[in-house]
Amino acid sequence: GGLVQPGGSLRLSCAASGSIFSIYTMGWYRQAPGK
């Protein structure tokens, strides 16, 4: 994450670790202030 100008790009990453057998579904959610 970070600060970018309109029209710019970012790449988010999420790494899972621990006692995992298999991951079925992964996803991204977001929450804006007041929403």
PDB file of all heavy atoms in Angstrom:
ATOM      1  N   GLY A   1       0.813  -1.200   0.000  1.00  0.00           N
ATOM      2  CA  GLY A   1       0.000   0.000   0.000  1.00  0.00           C
ATOM      3  C   GLY A   1       0.850   1.254   0.000  1.00  0.00           C
ATOM      4  O   GLY A   1       2.062   1.213   0.216  1.00  0.00           O
ATOM      5  N   GLY A   2       0.198   2.390  -0.241  1.00  0.00           N
ATOM      6  CA  GLY A   2       0.916   3.648  -0.255  1.00  0.00           C
ATOM      7  C   GLY A   2       0.098   4.764  -0.851  1.00  0.00           C
ATOM      8  O   GLY A   2      -1.112   4.637  -1.043  1.00  0.00           O
ATOM      9  N   LEU A   3       0.769   5.864  -1.154  1.00  0.00           N
ATOM     10  CA  LEU A   3       0.149   7.052  -1.729  1.00  0.00           C
ATOM     11  C   LEU A   3       0.507   7.156  -3.200  1.00  0.00           C
ATOM     12  O   LEU A   3       1.688   7.117  -3.564  1.00  0.00           O
ATOM     13  CB  LEU A   3       0.622   8.300  -0.984  1.00  0.00           C
ATOM     14  CG  LEU A   3       0.197   9.650  -1.558  1.00  0.00           C
ATOM     15  CD1 LEU A   3      -1.318   9.807  -1.489  1.00  0.00           C
ATOM     16  CD2 LEU A   3       0.892  10.771  -0.810  1.00  0.00           C
ATOM     17  N   VAL A   4      -0.510   7.285  -4.052  1.00  0.00           N
ATOM     18  CA  VAL A   4      -0.299   7.441  -5.485  1.00  0.00           C
ATOM     19  C   VAL A   4      -1.233   8.513  -6.028  1.00  0.00           C
ATOM     20  O   VAL A   4      -2.268   8.815  -5.435  1.00  0.00           O
ATOM     21  CB  VAL A   4      -0.516   6.131  -6.270  1.00  0.00           C
ATOM     22  CG1 VAL A   4       0.506   5.087  -5.870  1.00  0.00           C
ATOM     23  CG2 VAL A   4      -1.929   5.616  -6.049  1.00  0.00           C
ATOM     24  N   GLN A   5      -0.867   9.073  -7.177  1.00  0.00           N
ATOM     25  CA  GLN A   5      -1.718  10.046  -7.842  1.00  0.00           C
ATOM     26  C   GLN A   5      -2.794   9.357  -8.668  1.00  0.00           C
ATOM     27  O   GLN A   5      -2.633   8.200  -9.062  1.00  0.00           O
ATOM     28  CB  GLN A   5      -0.876  10.956  -8.745  1.00  0.00           C
ATOM     29  CG  GLN A   5       0.083  11.856  -7.995  1.00  0.00           C
ATOM     30  CD  GLN A   5       0.797  12.823  -8.914  1.00  0.00           C
ATOM     31  OE1 GLN A   5       1.000  12.533 -10.086  1.00  0.00           O
ATOM     32  NE2 GLN A   5       1.176  13.969  -8.386  1.00  0.00           N
ATOM     33  N   PRO A   6      -3.910  10.040  -8.925  1.00  0.00           N
ATOM     34  CA  PRO A   6      -4.927   9.458  -9.802  1.00  0.00           C
ATOM     35  C   PRO A   6      -4.324   9.017 -11.135  1.00  0.00           C
ATOM     36  O   PRO A   6      -3.504   9.722 -11.717  1.00  0.00           O
ATOM     37  CB  PRO A   6      -5.922  10.603  -9.991  1.00  0.00           C
ATOM     38  CG  PRO A   6      -5.776  11.415  -8.746  1.00  0.00           C
ATOM     39  CD  PRO A   6      -4.311  11.350  -8.401  1.00  0.00           C
ATOM     40  N   GLY A   7      -4.735   7.828 -11.585  1.00  0.00           N
ATOM     41  CA  GLY A   7      -4.187   7.261 -12.798  1.00  0.00           C
ATOM     42  C   GLY A   7      -2.977   6.387 -12.574  1.00  0.00           C
ATOM     43  O   GLY A   7      -2.538   5.694 -13.504  1.00  0.00           O
ATOM     44  N   GLY A   8      -2.447   6.394 -11.376  1.00  0.00           N
ATOM     45  CA  GLY A   8      -1.279   5.603 -11.055  1.00  0.00           C
ATOM     46  C   GLY A   8      -1.610   4.159 -10.753  1.00  0.00           C
ATOM     47  O   GLY A   8      -2.761   3.725 -10.844  1.00  0.00           O
ATOM     48  N   SER A   9      -0.582   3.404 -10.361  1.00  0.00           N
ATOM     49  CA  SER A   9      -0.725   1.975 -10.107  1.00  0.00           C
ATOM     50  C   SER A   9      -0.070   1.573  -8.801  1.00  0.00           C
ATOM     51  O   SER A   9       0.896   2.195  -8.350  1.00  0.00           O
ATOM     52  CB  SER A   9      -0.100   1.160 -11.246  1.00  0.00           C
ATOM     53  OG  SER A   9      -0.736   1.400 -12.482  1.00  0.00           O
ATOM     54  N   LEU A  10      -0.598   0.516  -8.202  1.00  0.00           N
ATOM     55  CA  LEU A  10      -0.021  -0.125  -7.036  1.00  0.00           C
ATOM     56  C   LEU A  10      -0.233  -1.623  -7.153  1.00  0.00           C
ATOM     57  O   LEU A  10      -1.193  -2.071  -7.784  1.00  0.00           O
ATOM     58  CB  LEU A  10      -0.662   0.357  -5.738  1.00  0.00           C
ATOM     59  CG  LEU A  10      -0.266   1.710  -5.166  1.00  0.00           C
ATOM     60  CD1 LEU A  10      -1.128   2.017  -3.943  1.00  0.00           C
ATOM     61  CD2 LEU A  10       1.206   1.734  -4.789  1.00  0.00           C
ATOM     62  N   ARG A  11       0.652  -2.377  -6.530  1.00  0.00           N
ATOM     63  CA  ARG A  11       0.508  -3.823  -6.469  1.00  0.00           C
ATOM     64  C   ARG A  11       0.533  -4.267  -5.015  1.00  0.00           C
ATOM     65  O   ARG A  11       1.536  -4.096  -4.332  1.00  0.00           O
ATOM     66  CB  ARG A  11       1.624  -4.523  -7.237  1.00  0.00           C
ATOM     67  CG  ARG A  11       1.428  -6.027  -7.384  1.00  0.00           C
ATOM     68  CD  ARG A  11       2.679  -6.684  -7.921  1.00  0.00           C
ATOM     69  NE  ARG A  11       2.490  -8.085  -8.244  1.00  0.00           N
ATOM     70  CZ  ARG A  11       3.437  -9.013  -8.135  1.00  0.00           C
ATOM     71  NH1 ARG A  11       4.650  -8.678  -7.723  1.00  0.00           N
ATOM     72  NH2 ARG A  11       3.178 -10.266  -8.453  1.00  0.00           N
ATOM     73  N   LEU A  12      -0.573  -4.834  -4.558  1.00  0.00           N
ATOM     74  CA  LEU A  12      -0.679  -5.338  -3.205  1.00  0.00           C
ATOM     75  C   LEU A  12      -0.335  -6.821  -3.162  1.00  0.00           C
ATOM     76  O   LEU A  12      -0.630  -7.560  -4.099  1.00  0.00           O
ATOM     77  CB  LEU A  12      -2.089  -5.141  -2.652  1.00  0.00           C
ATOM     78  CG  LEU A  12      -2.666  -3.720  -2.686  1.00  0.00           C
ATOM     79  CD1 LEU A  12      -4.035  -3.710  -2.030  1.00  0.00           C
ATOM     80  CD2 LEU A  12      -1.731  -2.733  -2.015  1.00  0.00           C
ATOM     81  N   SER A  13       0.273  -7.236  -2.069  1.00  0.00           N
ATOM     82  CA  SER A  13       0.607  -8.631  -1.859  1.00  0.00           C
ATOM     83  C   SER A  13       0.076  -9.083  -0.505  1.00  0.00           C
ATOM     84  O   SER A  13       0.003  -8.296   0.438  1.00  0.00           O
ATOM     85  CB  SER A  13       2.126  -8.859  -1.905  1.00  0.00           C
ATOM     86  OG  SER A  13       2.661  -8.502  -3.151  1.00  0.00           O
ATOM     87  N   CYS A  14      -0.278 -10.351  -0.415  1.00  0.00           N
ATOM     88  CA  CYS A  14      -0.712 -10.943   0.844  1.00  0.00           C
ATOM     89  C   CYS A  14      -0.165 -12.350   0.926  1.00  0.00           C
ATOM     90  O   CYS A  14      -0.499 -13.193   0.089  1.00  0.00           O
ATOM     91  CB  CYS A  14      -2.236 -10.954   0.948  1.00  0.00           C
ATOM     92  SG  CYS A  14      -2.872 -11.868   2.377  1.00  0.00           S
ATOM     93  N   ALA A  15       0.655 -12.593   1.925  1.00  0.00           N
ATOM     94  CA  ALA A  15       1.263 -13.900   2.119  1.00  0.00           C
ATOM     95  C   ALA A  15       0.648 -14.598   3.322  1.00  0.00           C
ATOM     96  O   ALA A  15       0.584 -14.023   4.414  1.00  0.00           O
ATOM     97  CB  ALA A  15       2.769 -13.763   2.306  1.00  0.00           C
ATOM     98  N   ALA A  16       0.206 -15.821   3.124  1.00  0.00           N
ATOM     99  CA  ALA A  16      -0.345 -16.637   4.198  1.00  0.00           C
ATOM    100  C   ALA A  16       0.718 -17.602   4.704  1.00  0.00           C
ATOM    101  O   ALA A  16       1.470 -18.181   3.922  1.00  0.00           O
ATOM    102  CB  ALA A  16      -1.564 -17.415   3.717  1.00  0.00           C
ATOM    103  N   SER A  17       0.765 -17.773   6.013  1.00  0.00           N
ATOM    104  CA  SER A  17       1.739 -18.682   6.604  1.00  0.00           C
ATOM    105  C   SER A  17       1.144 -19.333   7.843  1.00  0.00           C
ATOM    106  O   SER A  17       0.174 -18.842   8.407  1.00  0.00           O
ATOM    107  CB  SER A  17       3.037 -17.951   6.955  1.00  0.00           C
ATOM    108  OG  SER A  17       2.805 -16.942   7.926  1.00  0.00           O
ATOM    109  N   GLY A  18       1.750 -20.426   8.265  1.00  0.00           N
ATOM    110  CA  GLY A  18       1.296 -21.120   9.452  1.00  0.00           C
ATOM    111  C   GLY A  18       0.853 -22.540   9.157  1.00  0.00           C
ATOM    112  O   GLY A  18       1.313 -23.161   8.204  1.00  0.00           O
ATOM    113  N   SER A  19      -0.054 -23.033   9.979  1.00  0.00           N
ATOM    114  CA  SER A  19      -0.505 -24.426   9.889  1.00  0.00           C
ATOM    115  C   SER A  19      -1.596 -24.578   8.835  1.00  0.00           C
ATOM    116  O   SER A  19      -2.778 -24.740   9.150  1.00  0.00           O
ATOM    117  CB  SER A  19      -0.992 -24.902  11.257  1.00  0.00           C
ATOM    118  OG  SER A  19       0.021 -24.788  12.240  1.00  0.00           O
ATOM    119  N   ILE A  20      -1.187 -24.529   7.585  1.00  0.00           N
ATOM    120  CA  ILE A  20      -2.104 -24.559   6.454  1.00  0.00           C
ATOM    121  C   ILE A  20      -1.971 -25.862   5.688  1.00  0.00           C
ATOM    122  O   ILE A  20      -0.868 -26.265   5.327  1.00  0.00           O
ATOM    123  CB  ILE A  20      -1.839 -23.381   5.502  1.00  0.00           C
ATOM    124  CG1 ILE A  20      -2.012 -22.049   6.226  1.00  0.00           C
ATOM    125  CG2 ILE A  20      -2.765 -23.463   4.290  1.00  0.00           C
ATOM    126  CD1 ILE A  20      -1.519 -20.861   5.437  1.00  0.00           C
ATOM    127  N   PHE A  21      -3.108 -26.490   5.426  1.00  0.00           N
ATOM    128  CA  PHE A  21      -3.126 -27.660   4.564  1.00  0.00           C
ATOM    129  C   PHE A  21      -3.319 -27.235   3.107  1.00  0.00           C
ATOM    130  O   PHE A  21      -2.559 -27.646   2.232  1.00  0.00           O
ATOM    131  CB  PHE A  21      -4.219 -28.639   4.985  1.00  0.00           C
ATOM    132  CG  PHE A  21      -4.313 -29.848   4.098  1.00  0.00           C
ATOM    133  CD1 PHE A  21      -3.377 -30.865   4.189  1.00  0.00           C
ATOM    134  CD2 PHE A  21      -5.332 -29.974   3.168  1.00  0.00           C
ATOM    135  CE1 PHE A  21      -3.453 -31.980   3.367  1.00  0.00           C
ATOM    136  CE2 PHE A  21      -5.421 -31.085   2.346  1.00  0.00           C
ATOM    137  CZ  PHE A  21      -4.473 -32.092   2.444  1.00  0.00           C
ATOM    138  N   SER A  22      -4.328 -26.414   2.866  1.00  0.00           N
ATOM    139  CA  SER A  22      -4.571 -25.893   1.532  1.00  0.00           C
ATOM    140  C   SER A  22      -5.454 -24.656   1.623  1.00  0.00           C
ATOM    141  O   SER A  22      -6.274 -24.533   2.524  1.00  0.00           O
ATOM    142  CB  SER A  22      -5.228 -26.945   0.635  1.00  0.00           C
ATOM    143  OG  SER A  22      -6.506 -27.305   1.125  1.00  0.00           O
ATOM    144  N   ILE A  23      -5.287 -23.751   0.670  1.00  0.00           N
ATOM    145  CA  ILE A  23      -6.087 -22.538   0.604  1.00  0.00           C
ATOM    146  C   ILE A  23      -7.052 -22.644  -0.560  1.00  0.00           C
ATOM    147  O   ILE A  23      -6.622 -22.838  -1.702  1.00  0.00           O
ATOM    148  CB  ILE A  23      -5.207 -21.290   0.447  1.00  0.00           C
ATOM    149  CG1 ILE A  23      -4.208 -21.193   1.597  1.00  0.00           C
ATOM    150  CG2 ILE A  23      -6.081 -20.039   0.376  1.00  0.00           C
ATOM    151  CD1 ILE A  23      -3.248 -20.030   1.481  1.00  0.00           C
ATOM    152  N   TYR A  24      -8.334 -22.515  -0.282  1.00  0.00           N
ATOM    153  CA  TYR A  24      -9.347 -22.640  -1.316  1.00  0.00           C
ATOM    154  C   TYR A  24      -9.604 -21.303  -2.013  1.00  0.00           C
ATOM    155  O   TYR A  24      -9.437 -21.177  -3.219  1.00  0.00           O
ATOM    156  CB  TYR A  24     -10.642 -23.190  -0.729  1.00  0.00           C
ATOM    157  CG  TYR A  24     -11.743 -23.351  -1.739  1.00  0.00           C
ATOM    158  CD1 TYR A  24     -11.567 -24.144  -2.857  1.00  0.00           C
ATOM    159  CD2 TYR A  24     -12.967 -22.706  -1.568  1.00  0.00           C
ATOM    160  CE1 TYR A  24     -12.569 -24.294  -3.790  1.00  0.00           C
ATOM    161  CE2 TYR A  24     -13.983 -22.856  -2.493  1.00  0.00           C
ATOM    162  CZ  TYR A  24     -13.780 -23.646  -3.606  1.00  0.00           C
ATOM    163  OH  TYR A  24     -14.782 -23.792  -4.533  1.00  0.00           O
ATOM    164  N   THR A  25      -9.998 -20.303  -1.236  1.00  0.00           N
ATOM    165  CA  THR A  25     -10.317 -18.999  -1.791  1.00  0.00           C
ATOM    166  C   THR A  25      -9.506 -17.911  -1.102  1.00  0.00           C
ATOM    167  O   THR A  25      -9.383 -17.909   0.122  1.00  0.00           O
ATOM    168  CB  THR A  25     -11.811 -18.671  -1.638  1.00  0.00           C
ATOM    169  OG1 THR A  25     -12.585 -19.691  -2.267  1.00  0.00           O
ATOM    170  CG2 THR A  25     -12.141 -17.321  -2.268  1.00  0.00           C
ATOM    171  N   MET A  26      -8.962 -16.988  -1.884  1.00  0.00           N
ATOM    172  CA  MET A  26      -8.324 -15.800  -1.351  1.00  0.00           C
ATOM    173  C   MET A  26      -8.969 -14.582  -1.999  1.00  0.00           C
ATOM    174  O   MET A  26      -9.441 -14.656  -3.139  1.00  0.00           O
ATOM    175  CB  MET A  26      -6.816 -15.794  -1.606  1.00  0.00           C
ATOM    176  CG  MET A  26      -6.084 -16.970  -0.981  1.00  0.00           C
ATOM    177  SD  MET A  26      -4.277 -16.833  -1.055  1.00  0.00           S
ATOM    178  CE  MET A  26      -3.981 -15.709   0.329  1.00  0.00           C
ATOM    179  N   GLY A  27      -8.993 -13.486  -1.269  1.00  0.00           N
ATOM    180  CA  GLY A  27      -9.627 -12.306  -1.811  1.00  0.00           C
ATOM    181  C   GLY A  27      -9.156 -11.028  -1.165  1.00  0.00           C
ATOM    182  O   GLY A  27      -8.415 -11.045  -0.175  1.00  0.00           O
ATOM    183  N   TRP A  28      -9.593  -9.926  -1.754  1.00  0.00           N
ATOM    184  CA  TRP A  28      -9.301  -8.600  -1.247  1.00  0.00           C
ATOM    185  C   TRP A  28     -10.603  -7.869  -0.971  1.00  0.00           C
ATOM    186  O   TRP A  28     -11.530  -7.900  -1.794  1.00  0.00           O
ATOM    187  CB  TRP A  28      -8.462  -7.790  -2.239  1.00  0.00           C
ATOM    188  CG  TRP A  28      -7.063  -8.290  -2.388  1.00  0.00           C
ATOM    189  CD1 TRP A  28      -6.592  -9.152  -3.320  1.00  0.00           C
ATOM    190  CD2 TRP A  28      -5.953  -7.940  -1.559  1.00  0.00           C
ATOM    191  NE1 TRP A  28      -5.252  -9.366  -3.138  1.00  0.00           N
ATOM    192  CE2 TRP A  28      -4.832  -8.638  -2.060  1.00  0.00           C
ATOM    193  CE3 TRP A  28      -5.794  -7.115  -0.453  1.00  0.00           C
ATOM    194  CZ2 TRP A  28      -3.568  -8.529  -1.488  1.00  0.00           C
ATOM    195  CZ3 TRP A  28      -4.537  -7.007   0.122  1.00  0.00           C
ATOM    196  CH2 TRP A  28      -3.448  -7.706  -0.397  1.00  0.00           C
ATOM    197  N   TYR A  29     -10.660  -7.220   0.172  1.00  0.00           N
ATOM    198  CA  TYR A  29     -11.767  -6.375   0.571  1.00  0.00           C
ATOM    199  C   TYR A  29     -11.207  -5.006   0.922  1.00  0.00           C
ATOM    200  O   TYR A  29     -10.008  -4.861   1.165  1.00  0.00           O
ATOM    201  CB  TYR A  29     -12.501  -6.965   1.778  1.00  0.00           C
ATOM    202  CG  TYR A  29     -13.193  -8.281   1.495  1.00  0.00           C
ATOM    203  CD1 TYR A  29     -12.467  -9.453   1.303  1.00  0.00           C
ATOM    204  CD2 TYR A  29     -14.582  -8.352   1.425  1.00  0.00           C
ATOM    205  CE1 TYR A  29     -13.096 -10.651   1.041  1.00  0.00           C
ATOM    206  CE2 TYR A  29     -15.227  -9.553   1.168  1.00  0.00           C
ATOM    207  CZ  TYR A  29     -14.479 -10.694   0.978  1.00  0.00           C
ATOM    208  OH  TYR A  29     -15.112 -11.887   0.722  1.00  0.00           O
ATOM    209  N   ARG A  30     -12.071  -4.001   0.936  1.00  0.00           N
ATOM    210  CA  ARG A  30     -11.609  -2.678   1.304  1.00  0.00           C
ATOM    211  C   ARG A  30     -12.668  -1.953   2.119  1.00  0.00           C
ATOM    212  O   ARG A  30     -13.857  -2.227   2.015  1.00  0.00           O
ATOM    213  CB  ARG A  30     -11.234  -1.853   0.072  1.00  0.00           C
ATOM    214  CG  ARG A  30     -12.396  -1.493  -0.843  1.00  0.00           C
ATOM    215  CD  ARG A  30     -11.887  -0.816  -2.100  1.00  0.00           C
ATOM    216  NE  ARG A  30     -12.968  -0.410  -2.984  1.00  0.00           N
ATOM    217  CZ  ARG A  30     -12.799   0.098  -4.194  1.00  0.00           C
ATOM    218  NH1 ARG A  30     -11.568   0.260  -4.678  1.00  0.00           N
ATOM    219  NH2 ARG A  30     -13.848   0.445  -4.937  1.00  0.00           N
ATOM    220  N   GLN A  31     -12.204  -1.012   2.921  1.00  0.00           N
ATOM    221  CA  GLN A  31     -13.090  -0.217   3.745  1.00  0.00           C
ATOM    222  C   GLN A  31     -12.615   1.229   3.743  1.00  0.00           C
ATOM    223  O   GLN A  31     -11.512   1.529   4.189  1.00  0.00           O
ATOM    224  CB  GLN A  31     -13.142  -0.752   5.175  1.00  0.00           C
ATOM    225  CG  GLN A  31     -14.175  -0.074   6.052  1.00  0.00           C
ATOM    226  CD  GLN A  31     -14.414  -0.820   7.351  1.00  0.00           C
ATOM    227  OE1 GLN A  31     -13.566  -1.578   7.796  1.00  0.00           O
ATOM    228  NE2 GLN A  31     -15.573  -0.617   7.945  1.00  0.00           N
ATOM    229  N   ALA A  32     -13.459   2.110   3.220  1.00  0.00           N
ATOM    230  CA  ALA A  32     -13.185   3.539   3.212  1.00  0.00           C
ATOM    231  C   ALA A  32     -13.740   4.169   4.483  1.00  0.00           C
ATOM    232  O   ALA A  32     -14.642   3.617   5.116  1.00  0.00           O
ATOM    233  CB  ALA A  32     -13.803   4.186   1.979  1.00  0.00           C
ATOM    234  N   PRO A  33     -13.231   5.334   4.869  1.00  0.00           N
ATOM    235  CA  PRO A  33     -13.728   5.999   6.078  1.00  0.00           C
ATOM    236  C   PRO A  33     -15.240   6.214   6.030  1.00  0.00           C
ATOM    237  O   PRO A  33     -15.770   6.713   5.032  1.00  0.00           O
ATOM    238  CB  PRO A  33     -12.986   7.331   6.076  1.00  0.00           C
ATOM    239  CG  PRO A  33     -11.721   7.047   5.335  1.00  0.00           C
ATOM    240  CD  PRO A  33     -12.123   6.079   4.253  1.00  0.00           C
ATOM    241  N   GLY A  34     -15.926   5.809   7.088  1.00  0.00           N
ATOM    242  CA  GLY A  34     -17.362   5.992   7.173  1.00  0.00           C
ATOM    243  C   GLY A  34     -18.190   5.016   6.373  1.00  0.00           C
ATOM    244  O   GLY A  34     -19.418   5.153   6.326  1.00  0.00           O
ATOM    245  N   LYS A  35     -17.560   4.031   5.744  1.00  0.00           N
ATOM    246  CA  LYS A  35     -18.280   3.071   4.929  1.00  0.00           C
ATOM    247  C   LYS A  35     -18.033   1.647   5.416  1.00  0.00           C
ATOM    248  O   LYS A  35     -17.080   1.380   6.141  1.00  0.00           O
ATOM    249  CB  LYS A  35     -17.868   3.185   3.460  1.00  0.00           C
ATOM    250  CG  LYS A  35     -18.187   4.525   2.820  1.00  0.00           C
ATOM    251  CD  LYS A  35     -17.809   4.537   1.354  1.00  0.00           C
ATOM    252  CE  LYS A  35     -18.156   5.858   0.701  1.00  0.00           C
ATOM    253  NZ  LYS A  35     -17.776   5.871  -0.738  1.00  0.00           N
TER     254      LYS A  35
END
